[in-house]
Amino acid sequence: MSEAQPAAVADRSDTAPGGSRESVLLFIGIPVVVLVGFGAYALWHQTADLDTVETSALAWSEVWLAIWQHVKLTVVSAVVVVVIAVPLGIMLTRPGFKRAAPAVVGFANGGQAAPAIGLFVLLAMWLGFGFRTSIIALTIYALLPVLRNTIVGLQGVDPTLVEAGRGVGLSNFDVLRRIELPLALPVIMSGVRTALVLLVGTAALATFINGGGLGGIITAGINLYRYSVMVSGAVLVALLALLIEWIGRVLELVTRPKGL
């Protein structure tokens, strides 16, 4: 074997999914950073000299409840976004509905372009305060990345592969299920990951309409003039956002069809 051949093999193994330095950093490094960050916060929480107001605002029962509410807001709204955006994106790439695609994408773009806090408040004035309205606001805000990536991913599939599938007798649904969606899946999952990052950050605003989440700790710190409380909320949101972004990347790699 020539010297060039081992080098080529080494290059391929270095870039292979799961074997590269980037993959190792992805699967191990980010969770370690989150664990270290949360451990540092827990250590500070136990040793910090907090007054009565700060102790009450940062009680572990309150912190865990806020984290759970924030995760629930993020996960539920992400599921709703995927359930709406992916079928809608598929429909808008079919011949009978292509003309409606610019209008629908424009609506989704408007939802994301609007100030997030304004969207929350306006929907709360119309639909009432609480968790349900928060989910609707978050869904509208994060719809665009998944919808756009679904359309772009399906439009990017090689037409000759689609025609080949039809040529061997596959129905339109089978072509979509066995050819178009698997090839478009990496692009779609990239949009899902982007939506997750948007959702976990924007969910902090749900506290303004009684939707819960870690935003409540931040606003409590601001209202009480306790910077330790405000910074604690911000740190917890940042750690959760980093973890959710990591989960999105892992899902993106896991769902990638073999050979792509």
C-alpha atoms as a PDB file:
ATOM      1  CA  MET A   1       0.000   0.000   0.000  1.00  0.00           C
ATOM      2  CA  SER A   2       1.380   3.392  -0.957  1.00  0.00           C
ATOM      3  CA  GLU A   3       1.933   6.223   1.507  1.00  0.00           C
ATOM      4  CA  ALA A   4      -0.889   8.209  -0.102  1.00  0.00           C
ATOM      5  CA  GLN A   5      -3.453   5.503   0.644  1.00  0.00           C
ATOM      6  CA  PRO A   6      -3.070   5.494   4.462  1.00  0.00           C
ATOM      7  CA  ALA A   7      -3.265   9.275   4.419  1.00  0.00           C
ATOM      8  CA  ALA A   8      -6.528   9.114   2.472  1.00  0.00           C
ATOM      9  CA  VAL A   9      -7.912   6.558   4.926  1.00  0.00           C
ATOM     10  CA  ALA A  10      -6.906   8.769   7.840  1.00  0.00           C
ATOM     11  CA  ASP A  11      -8.603  11.761   6.248  1.00  0.00           C
ATOM     12  CA  ARG A  12     -11.842   9.816   5.789  1.00  0.00           C
ATOM     13  CA  SER A  13     -11.823   8.521   9.352  1.00  0.00           C
ATOM     14  CA  ASP A  14     -11.174  12.009  10.706  1.00  0.00           C
ATOM     15  CA  THR A  15     -14.225  13.405   8.939  1.00  0.00           C
ATOM     16  CA  ALA A  16     -16.542  10.462   9.526  1.00  0.00           C
ATOM     17  CA  PRO A  17     -19.544  11.116  11.756  1.00  0.00           C
ATOM     18  CA  GLY A  18     -18.855  10.030  15.322  1.00  0.00           C
ATOM     19  CA  GLY A  19     -15.084   9.738  14.733  1.00  0.00           C
ATOM     20  CA  SER A  20     -13.987  13.327  14.239  1.00  0.00           C
ATOM     21  CA  ARG A  21     -12.822  15.729  16.900  1.00  0.00           C
ATOM     22  CA  GLU A  22     -15.924  17.838  16.280  1.00  0.00           C
ATOM     23  CA  SER A  23     -18.173  14.842  16.987  1.00  0.00           C
ATOM     24  CA  VAL A  24     -16.291  14.041  20.197  1.00  0.00           C
ATOM     25  CA  LEU A  25     -16.635  17.659  21.301  1.00  0.00           C
ATOM     26  CA  LEU A  26     -20.324  17.575  20.381  1.00  0.00           C
ATOM     27  CA  PHE A  27     -21.238  14.394  22.243  1.00  0.00           C
ATOM     28  CA  ILE A  28     -18.976  14.834  25.263  1.00  0.00           C
ATOM     29  CA  GLY A  29     -17.719  18.408  25.511  1.00  0.00           C
ATOM     30  CA  ILE A  30     -21.012  20.336  25.599  1.00  0.00           C
ATOM     31  CA  PRO A  31     -22.723  18.119  28.240  1.00  0.00           C
ATOM     32  CA  VAL A  32     -19.585  18.377  30.360  1.00  0.00           C
ATOM     33  CA  VAL A  33     -19.667  22.166  30.078  1.00  0.00           C
ATOM     34  CA  VAL A  34     -23.341  22.185  31.108  1.00  0.00           C
ATOM     35  CA  LEU A  35     -22.707  19.863  34.059  1.00  0.00           C
ATOM     36  CA  VAL A  36     -19.705  21.900  35.211  1.00  0.00           C
ATOM     37  CA  GLY A  37     -21.676  25.117  34.831  1.00  0.00           C
ATOM     38  CA  PHE A  38     -24.634  23.805  36.792  1.00  0.00           C
ATOM     39  CA  GLY A  39     -22.293  22.315  39.404  1.00  0.00           C
ATOM     40  CA  ALA A  40     -20.603  25.701  39.790  1.00  0.00           C
ATOM     41  CA  TYR A  41     -24.020  27.343  40.177  1.00  0.00           C
ATOM     42  CA  ALA A  42     -25.090  24.750  42.784  1.00  0.00           C
ATOM     43  CA  LEU A  43     -21.850  25.309  44.716  1.00  0.00           C
ATOM     44  CA  TRP A  44     -22.379  29.068  44.649  1.00  0.00           C
ATOM     45  CA  HIS A  45     -26.007  28.591  45.689  1.00  0.00           C
ATOM     46  CA  GLN A  46     -24.941  26.603  48.744  1.00  0.00           C
ATOM     47  CA  THR A  47     -22.117  28.900  49.859  1.00  0.00           C
ATOM     48  CA  ALA A  48     -23.339  32.382  48.872  1.00  0.00           C
ATOM     49  CA  ASP A  49     -24.310  34.836  51.587  1.00  0.00           C
ATOM     50  CA  LEU A  50     -27.918  35.478  50.523  1.00  0.00           C
ATOM     51  CA  ASP A  51     -30.423  37.612  52.357  1.00  0.00           C
ATOM     52  CA  THR A  52     -33.966  36.478  53.145  1.00  0.00           C
ATOM     53  CA  VAL A  53     -35.432  37.809  49.879  1.00  0.00           C
ATOM     54  CA  GLU A  54     -32.738  36.166  47.740  1.00  0.00           C
ATOM     55  CA  THR A  55     -33.032  32.888  49.636  1.00  0.00           C
ATOM     56  CA  SER A  56     -36.776  32.815  49.030  1.00  0.00           C
ATOM     57  CA  ALA A  57     -36.471  33.699  45.333  1.00  0.00           C
ATOM     58  CA  LEU A  58     -33.717  31.132  44.741  1.00  0.00           C
ATOM     59  CA  ALA A  59     -35.115  28.269  46.816  1.00  0.00           C
ATOM     60  CA  TRP A  60     -34.379  24.988  45.063  1.00  0.00           C
ATOM     61  CA  SER A  61     -38.083  24.169  44.858  1.00  0.00           C
ATOM     62  CA  GLU A  62     -38.663  27.418  42.946  1.00  0.00           C
ATOM     63  CA  VAL A  63     -35.631  26.896  40.707  1.00  0.00           C
ATOM     64  CA  TRP A  64     -36.602  23.335  39.738  1.00  0.00           C
ATOM     65  CA  LEU A  65     -40.191  24.387  39.100  1.00  0.00           C
ATOM     66  CA  ALA A  66     -39.018  27.219  36.818  1.00  0.00           C
ATOM     67  CA  ILE A  67     -36.659  24.871  34.931  1.00  0.00           C
ATOM     68  CA  TRP A  68     -39.456  22.313  34.461  1.00  0.00           C
ATOM     69  CA  GLN A  69     -41.849  24.988  33.206  1.00  0.00           C
ATOM     70  CA  HIS A  70     -39.205  26.314  30.811  1.00  0.00           C
ATOM     71  CA  VAL A  71     -38.468  22.846  29.431  1.00  0.00           C
ATOM     72  CA  LYS A  72     -42.183  22.148  29.052  1.00  0.00           C
ATOM     73  CA  LEU A  73     -42.707  25.423  27.171  1.00  0.00           C
ATOM     74  CA  THR A  74     -39.800  24.630  24.854  1.00  0.00           C
ATOM     75  CA  VAL A  75     -40.650  20.979  24.173  1.00  0.00           C
ATOM     76  CA  VAL A  76     -44.400  21.421  23.698  1.00  0.00           C
ATOM     77  CA  SER A  77     -43.999  24.399  21.379  1.00  0.00           C
ATOM     78  CA  ALA A  78     -41.261  22.568  19.419  1.00  0.00           C
ATOM     79  CA  VAL A  79     -43.558  19.565  18.905  1.00  0.00           C
ATOM     80  CA  VAL A  80     -46.381  21.844  17.778  1.00  0.00           C
ATOM     81  CA  VAL A  81     -44.035  23.656  15.380  1.00  0.00           C
ATOM     82  CA  VAL A  82     -42.880  20.387  13.792  1.00  0.00           C
ATOM     83  CA  VAL A  83     -46.420  18.993  13.564  1.00  0.00           C
ATOM     84  CA  ILE A  84     -47.580  22.147  11.764  1.00  0.00           C
ATOM     85  CA  ALA A  85     -44.538  23.221   9.752  1.00  0.00           C
ATOM     86  CA  VAL A  86     -43.368  19.915   8.241  1.00  0.00           C
ATOM     87  CA  PRO A  87     -46.741  18.818   6.753  1.00  0.00           C
ATOM     88  CA  LEU A  88     -47.391  22.403   5.653  1.00  0.00           C
ATOM     89  CA  GLY A  89     -43.966  22.588   4.001  1.00  0.00           C
ATOM     90  CA  ILE A  90     -44.619  19.282   2.228  1.00  0.00           C
ATOM     91  CA  MET A  91     -47.990  20.516   1.002  1.00  0.00           C
ATOM     92  CA  LEU A  92     -46.489  23.762  -0.318  1.00  0.00           C
ATOM     93  CA  THR A  93     -44.042  21.814  -2.507  1.00  0.00           C
ATOM     94  CA  ARG A  94     -46.816  19.838  -4.194  1.00  0.00           C
ATOM     95  CA  PRO A  95     -47.936  21.074  -7.650  1.00  0.00           C
ATOM     96  CA  GLY A  96     -51.397  22.219  -6.598  1.00  0.00           C
ATOM     97  CA  PHE A  97     -50.179  24.416  -3.711  1.00  0.00           C
ATOM     98  CA  LYS A  98     -46.857  25.893  -4.878  1.00  0.00           C
ATOM     99  CA  ARG A  99     -48.455  29.259  -5.639  1.00  0.00           C
ATOM    100  CA  ALA A 100     -49.462  29.664  -1.997  1.00  0.00           C
ATOM    101  CA  ALA A 101     -45.911  29.126  -0.713  1.00  0.00           C
ATOM    102  CA  PRO A 102     -44.763  32.801  -0.861  1.00  0.00           C
ATOM    103  CA  ALA A 103     -47.830  33.997   1.072  1.00  0.00           C
ATOM    104  CA  VAL A 104     -47.529  31.320   3.771  1.00  0.00           C
ATOM    105  CA  VAL A 105     -43.780  31.814   4.183  1.00  0.00           C
ATOM    106  CA  GLY A 106     -44.377  35.568   4.303  1.00  0.00           C
ATOM    107  CA  PHE A 107     -46.841  35.090   7.165  1.00  0.00           C
ATOM    108  CA  ALA A 108     -44.341  32.928   9.053  1.00  0.00           C
ATOM    109  CA  ASN A 109     -41.610  35.477   8.369  1.00  0.00           C
ATOM    110  CA  GLY A 110     -43.849  38.214   9.770  1.00  0.00           C
ATOM    111  CA  GLY A 111     -44.410  36.193  12.935  1.00  0.00           C
ATOM    112  CA  GLN A 112     -40.678  35.966  13.532  1.00  0.00           C
ATOM    113  CA  ALA A 113     -39.944  39.546  12.483  1.00  0.00           C
ATOM    114  CA  ALA A 114     -42.428  40.959  15.007  1.00  0.00           C
ATOM    115  CA  PRO A 115     -40.984  41.839  18.435  1.00  0.00           C
ATOM    116  CA  ALA A 116     -41.417  38.729  20.560  1.00  0.00           C
ATOM    117  CA  ILE A 117     -42.649  40.544  23.650  1.00  0.00           C
ATOM    118  CA  GLY A 118     -45.228  42.390  21.557  1.00  0.00           C
ATOM    119  CA  LEU A 119     -46.459  39.095  20.113  1.00  0.00           C
ATOM    120  CA  PHE A 120     -46.855  37.638  23.613  1.00  0.00           C
ATOM    121  CA  VAL A 121     -48.718  40.652  24.943  1.00  0.00           C
ATOM    122  CA  LEU A 122     -51.049  41.027  21.950  1.00  0.00           C
ATOM    123  CA  LEU A 123     -51.994  37.349  22.013  1.00  0.00           C
ATOM    124  CA  ALA A 124     -52.531  37.516  25.777  1.00  0.00           C
ATOM    125  CA  MET A 125     -54.903  40.468  25.348  1.00  0.00           C
ATOM    126  CA  TRP A 126     -56.822  38.480  22.726  1.00  0.00           C
ATOM    127  CA  LEU A 127     -56.693  34.894  24.060  1.00  0.00           C
ATOM    128  CA  GLY A 128     -55.993  35.400  27.751  1.00  0.00           C
ATOM    129  CA  PHE A 129     -52.929  34.831  29.907  1.00  0.00           C
ATOM    130  CA  GLY A 130     -51.330  31.487  30.675  1.00  0.00           C
ATOM    131  CA  PHE A 131     -49.524  28.455  29.286  1.00  0.00           C
ATOM    132  CA  ARG A 132     -51.743  27.913  26.234  1.00  0.00           C
ATOM    133  CA  THR A 133     -51.265  31.439  24.923  1.00  0.00           C
ATOM    134  CA  SER A 134     -47.519  31.161  25.537  1.00  0.00           C
ATOM    135  CA  ILE A 135     -47.401  28.014  23.379  1.00  0.00           C
ATOM    136  CA  ILE A 136     -49.291  29.766  20.576  1.00  0.00           C
ATOM    137  CA  ALA A 137     -46.934  32.752  20.683  1.00  0.00           C
ATOM    138  CA  LEU A 138     -43.827  30.549  20.721  1.00  0.00           C
ATOM    139  CA  THR A 139     -45.185  28.439  17.853  1.00  0.00           C
ATOM    140  CA  ILE A 140     -45.794  31.490  15.670  1.00  0.00           C
ATOM    141  CA  TYR A 141     -42.356  32.858  16.517  1.00  0.00           C
ATOM    142  CA  ALA A 142     -40.460  29.637  15.706  1.00  0.00           C
ATOM    143  CA  LEU A 143     -42.498  28.394  12.735  1.00  0.00           C
ATOM    144  CA  LEU A 144     -40.347  29.957  10.006  1.00  0.00           C
ATOM    145  CA  PRO A 145     -37.074  27.952  10.275  1.00  0.00           C
ATOM    146  CA  VAL A 146     -38.800  24.555  10.101  1.00  0.00           C
ATOM    147  CA  LEU A 147     -41.249  25.601   7.387  1.00  0.00           C
ATOM    148  CA  ARG A 148     -38.590  27.233   5.222  1.00  0.00           C
ATOM    149  CA  ASN A 149     -36.113  24.381   5.628  1.00  0.00           C
ATOM    150  CA  THR A 150     -38.781  21.793   4.802  1.00  0.00           C
ATOM    151  CA  ILE A 151     -39.585  23.611   1.560  1.00  0.00           C
ATOM    152  CA  VAL A 152     -35.929  24.188   0.671  1.00  0.00           C
ATOM    153  CA  GLY A 153     -34.961  20.603   1.533  1.00  0.00           C
ATOM    154  CA  LEU A 154     -37.693  19.076  -0.616  1.00  0.00           C
ATOM    155  CA  GLN A 155     -37.037  21.475  -3.497  1.00  0.00           C
ATOM    156  CA  GLY A 156     -33.355  20.533  -3.367  1.00  0.00           C
ATOM    157  CA  VAL A 157     -33.989  16.845  -4.049  1.00  0.00           C
ATOM    158  CA  ASP A 158     -32.628  15.816  -7.445  1.00  0.00           C
ATOM    159  CA  PRO A 159     -35.648  15.605  -9.832  1.00  0.00           C
ATOM    160  CA  THR A 160     -34.064  12.649 -11.638  1.00  0.00           C
ATOM    161  CA  LEU A 161     -34.264  10.588  -8.444  1.00  0.00           C
ATOM    162  CA  VAL A 162     -37.951  11.441  -8.119  1.00  0.00           C
ATOM    163  CA  GLU A 163     -38.586  10.470 -11.723  1.00  0.00           C
ATOM    164  CA  ALA A 164     -36.614   7.257 -11.248  1.00  0.00           C
ATOM    165  CA  GLY A 165     -38.804   6.354  -8.279  1.00  0.00           C
ATOM    166  CA  ARG A 166     -41.936   6.963 -10.300  1.00  0.00           C
ATOM    167  CA  GLY A 167     -40.417   4.984 -13.163  1.00  0.00           C
ATOM    168  CA  VAL A 168     -40.150   1.847 -11.017  1.00  0.00           C
ATOM    169  CA  GLY A 169     -43.817   2.112 -10.079  1.00  0.00           C
ATOM    170  CA  LEU A 170     -43.752   4.004  -6.775  1.00  0.00           C
ATOM    171  CA  SER A 171     -46.796   6.102  -5.943  1.00  0.00           C
ATOM    172  CA  ASN A 172     -46.456   9.810  -5.164  1.00  0.00           C
ATOM    173  CA  PHE A 173     -46.737   9.061  -1.440  1.00  0.00           C
ATOM    174  CA  ASP A 174     -44.077   6.342  -1.648  1.00  0.00           C
ATOM    175  CA  VAL A 175     -41.752   8.686  -3.562  1.00  0.00           C
ATOM    176  CA  LEU A 176     -42.220  11.289  -0.842  1.00  0.00           C
ATOM    177  CA  ARG A 177     -41.723   8.787   1.975  1.00  0.00           C
ATOM    178  CA  ARG A 178     -38.838   6.776   0.537  1.00  0.00           C
ATOM    179  CA  ILE A 179     -36.920   9.311  -1.551  1.00  0.00           C
ATOM    180  CA  GLU A 180     -37.799  12.958  -0.954  1.00  0.00           C
ATOM    181  CA  LEU A 181     -38.127  13.067   2.836  1.00  0.00           C
ATOM    182  CA  PRO A 182     -34.994  11.004   3.612  1.00  0.00           C
ATOM    183  CA  LEU A 183     -32.911  13.230   1.319  1.00  0.00           C
ATOM    184  CA  ALA A 184     -34.449  16.430   2.705  1.00  0.00           C
ATOM    185  CA  LEU A 185     -34.234  15.312   6.346  1.00  0.00           C
ATOM    186  CA  PRO A 186     -30.809  16.863   7.128  1.00  0.00           C
ATOM    187  CA  VAL A 187     -32.050  20.276   5.986  1.00  0.00           C
ATOM    188  CA  ILE A 188     -35.327  19.866   7.894  1.00  0.00           C
ATOM    189  CA  MET A 189     -33.516  18.872  11.094  1.00  0.00           C
ATOM    190  CA  SER A 190     -31.258  21.899  10.762  1.00  0.00           C
ATOM    191  CA  GLY A 191     -34.401  24.023  10.822  1.00  0.00           C
ATOM    192  CA  VAL A 192     -35.685  22.127  13.868  1.00  0.00           C
ATOM    193  CA  ARG A 193     -32.420  22.803  15.705  1.00  0.00           C
ATOM    194  CA  THR A 194     -32.660  26.503  14.869  1.00  0.00           C
ATOM    195  CA  ALA A 195     -36.250  26.557  16.134  1.00  0.00           C
ATOM    196  CA  LEU A 196     -35.214  24.889  19.393  1.00  0.00           C
ATOM    197  CA  VAL A 197     -32.578  27.554  20.031  1.00  0.00           C
ATOM    198  CA  LEU A 198     -35.121  30.305  19.326  1.00  0.00           C
ATOM    199  CA  LEU A 199     -37.706  28.691  21.580  1.00  0.00           C
ATOM    200  CA  VAL A 200     -35.526  28.129  24.623  1.00  0.00           C
ATOM    201  CA  GLY A 201     -34.453  31.776  24.625  1.00  0.00           C
ATOM    202  CA  THR A 202     -37.836  33.279  23.813  1.00  0.00           C
ATOM    203  CA  ALA A 203     -39.622  31.106  26.396  1.00  0.00           C
ATOM    204  CA  ALA A 204     -38.183  33.410  29.076  1.00  0.00           C
ATOM    205  CA  LEU A 205     -40.740  36.005  27.916  1.00  0.00           C
ATOM    206  CA  ALA A 206     -43.648  33.723  28.813  1.00  0.00           C
ATOM    207  CA  THR A 207     -43.418  34.954  32.391  1.00  0.00           C
ATOM    208  CA  PHE A 208     -44.900  38.296  31.298  1.00  0.00           C
ATOM    209  CA  ILE A 209     -48.206  36.584  30.454  1.00  0.00           C
ATOM    210  CA  ASN A 210     -48.169  34.150  33.377  1.00  0.00           C
ATOM    211  CA  GLY A 211     -46.746  31.302  31.294  1.00  0.00           C
ATOM    212  CA  GLY A 212     -44.039  30.322  33.788  1.00  0.00           C
ATOM    213  CA  GLY A 213     -40.418  29.512  33.067  1.00  0.00           C
ATOM    214  CA  LEU A 214     -37.026  30.833  34.090  1.00  0.00           C
ATOM    215  CA  GLY A 215     -37.963  34.323  32.997  1.00  0.00           C
ATOM    216  CA  GLY A 216     -39.787  34.619  36.314  1.00  0.00           C
ATOM    217  CA  ILE A 217     -36.497  34.429  38.218  1.00  0.00           C
ATOM    218  CA  ILE A 218     -34.957  37.119  36.004  1.00  0.00           C
ATOM    219  CA  THR A 219     -37.892  39.482  36.394  1.00  0.00           C
ATOM    220  CA  ALA A 220     -37.989  38.816  40.145  1.00  0.00           C
ATOM    221  CA  GLY A 221     -34.348  39.872  40.377  1.00  0.00           C
ATOM    222  CA  ILE A 222     -35.083  43.047  38.427  1.00  0.00           C
ATOM    223  CA  ASN A 223     -38.171  43.937  40.460  1.00  0.00           C
ATOM    224  CA  LEU A 224     -36.463  43.207  43.780  1.00  0.00           C
ATOM    225  CA  TYR A 225     -33.189  44.901  42.822  1.00  0.00           C
ATOM    226  CA  ARG A 226     -31.337  41.678  43.579  1.00  0.00           C
ATOM    227  CA  TYR A 227     -28.641  41.169  40.963  1.00  0.00           C
ATOM    228  CA  SER A 228     -27.767  37.720  42.298  1.00  0.00           C
ATOM    229  CA  VAL A 229     -31.311  36.549  41.534  1.00  0.00           C
ATOM    230  CA  MET A 230     -31.336  38.169  38.084  1.00  0.00           C
ATOM    231  CA  VAL A 231     -27.948  36.726  37.115  1.00  0.00           C
ATOM    232  CA  SER A 232     -28.953  33.290  38.436  1.00  0.00           C
ATOM    233  CA  GLY A 233     -31.950  33.239  36.121  1.00  0.00           C
ATOM    234  CA  ALA A 234     -29.841  34.363  33.169  1.00  0.00           C
ATOM    235  CA  VAL A 235     -27.182  31.708  33.862  1.00  0.00           C
ATOM    236  CA  LEU A 236     -29.786  28.948  34.112  1.00  0.00           C
ATOM    237  CA  VAL A 237     -31.391  30.036  30.820  1.00  0.00           C
ATOM    238  CA  ALA A 238     -27.954  30.048  29.146  1.00  0.00           C
ATOM    239  CA  LEU A 239     -27.118  26.550  30.437  1.00  0.00           C
ATOM    240  CA  LEU A 240     -30.504  25.210  29.359  1.00  0.00           C
ATOM    241  CA  ALA A 241     -30.136  26.826  25.928  1.00  0.00           C
ATOM    242  CA  LEU A 242     -26.725  25.207  25.509  1.00  0.00           C
ATOM    243  CA  LEU A 243     -28.150  21.803  26.473  1.00  0.00           C
ATOM    244  CA  ILE A 244     -31.163  22.135  24.157  1.00  0.00           C
ATOM    245  CA  GLU A 245     -28.906  23.222  21.283  1.00  0.00           C
ATOM    246  CA  TRP A 246     -26.754  20.135  21.924  1.00  0.00           C
ATOM    247  CA  ILE A 247     -29.824  17.886  21.865  1.00  0.00           C
ATOM    248  CA  GLY A 248     -30.820  19.471  18.549  1.00  0.00           C
ATOM    249  CA  ARG A 249     -27.390  18.758  17.068  1.00  0.00           C
ATOM    250  CA  VAL A 250     -27.477  15.164  18.285  1.00  0.00           C
ATOM    251  CA  LEU A 251     -30.926  14.656  16.741  1.00  0.00           C
ATOM    252  CA  GLU A 252     -29.627  16.185  13.527  1.00  0.00           C
ATOM    253  CA  LEU A 253     -26.772  13.656  13.389  1.00  0.00           C
ATOM    254  CA  VAL A 254     -28.846  10.669  14.502  1.00  0.00           C
ATOM    255  CA  THR A 255     -31.580  11.241  11.925  1.00  0.00           C
ATOM    256  CA  ARG A 256     -29.168  11.861   9.060  1.00  0.00           C
ATOM    257  CA  PRO A 257     -29.575   9.045   6.497  1.00  0.00           C
ATOM    258  CA  LYS A 258     -26.524   6.828   6.070  1.00  0.00           C
ATOM    259  CA  GLY A 259     -24.296   7.821   3.191  1.00  0.00           C
ATOM    260  CA  LEU A 260     -25.099  11.569   3.368  1.00  0.00           C
END
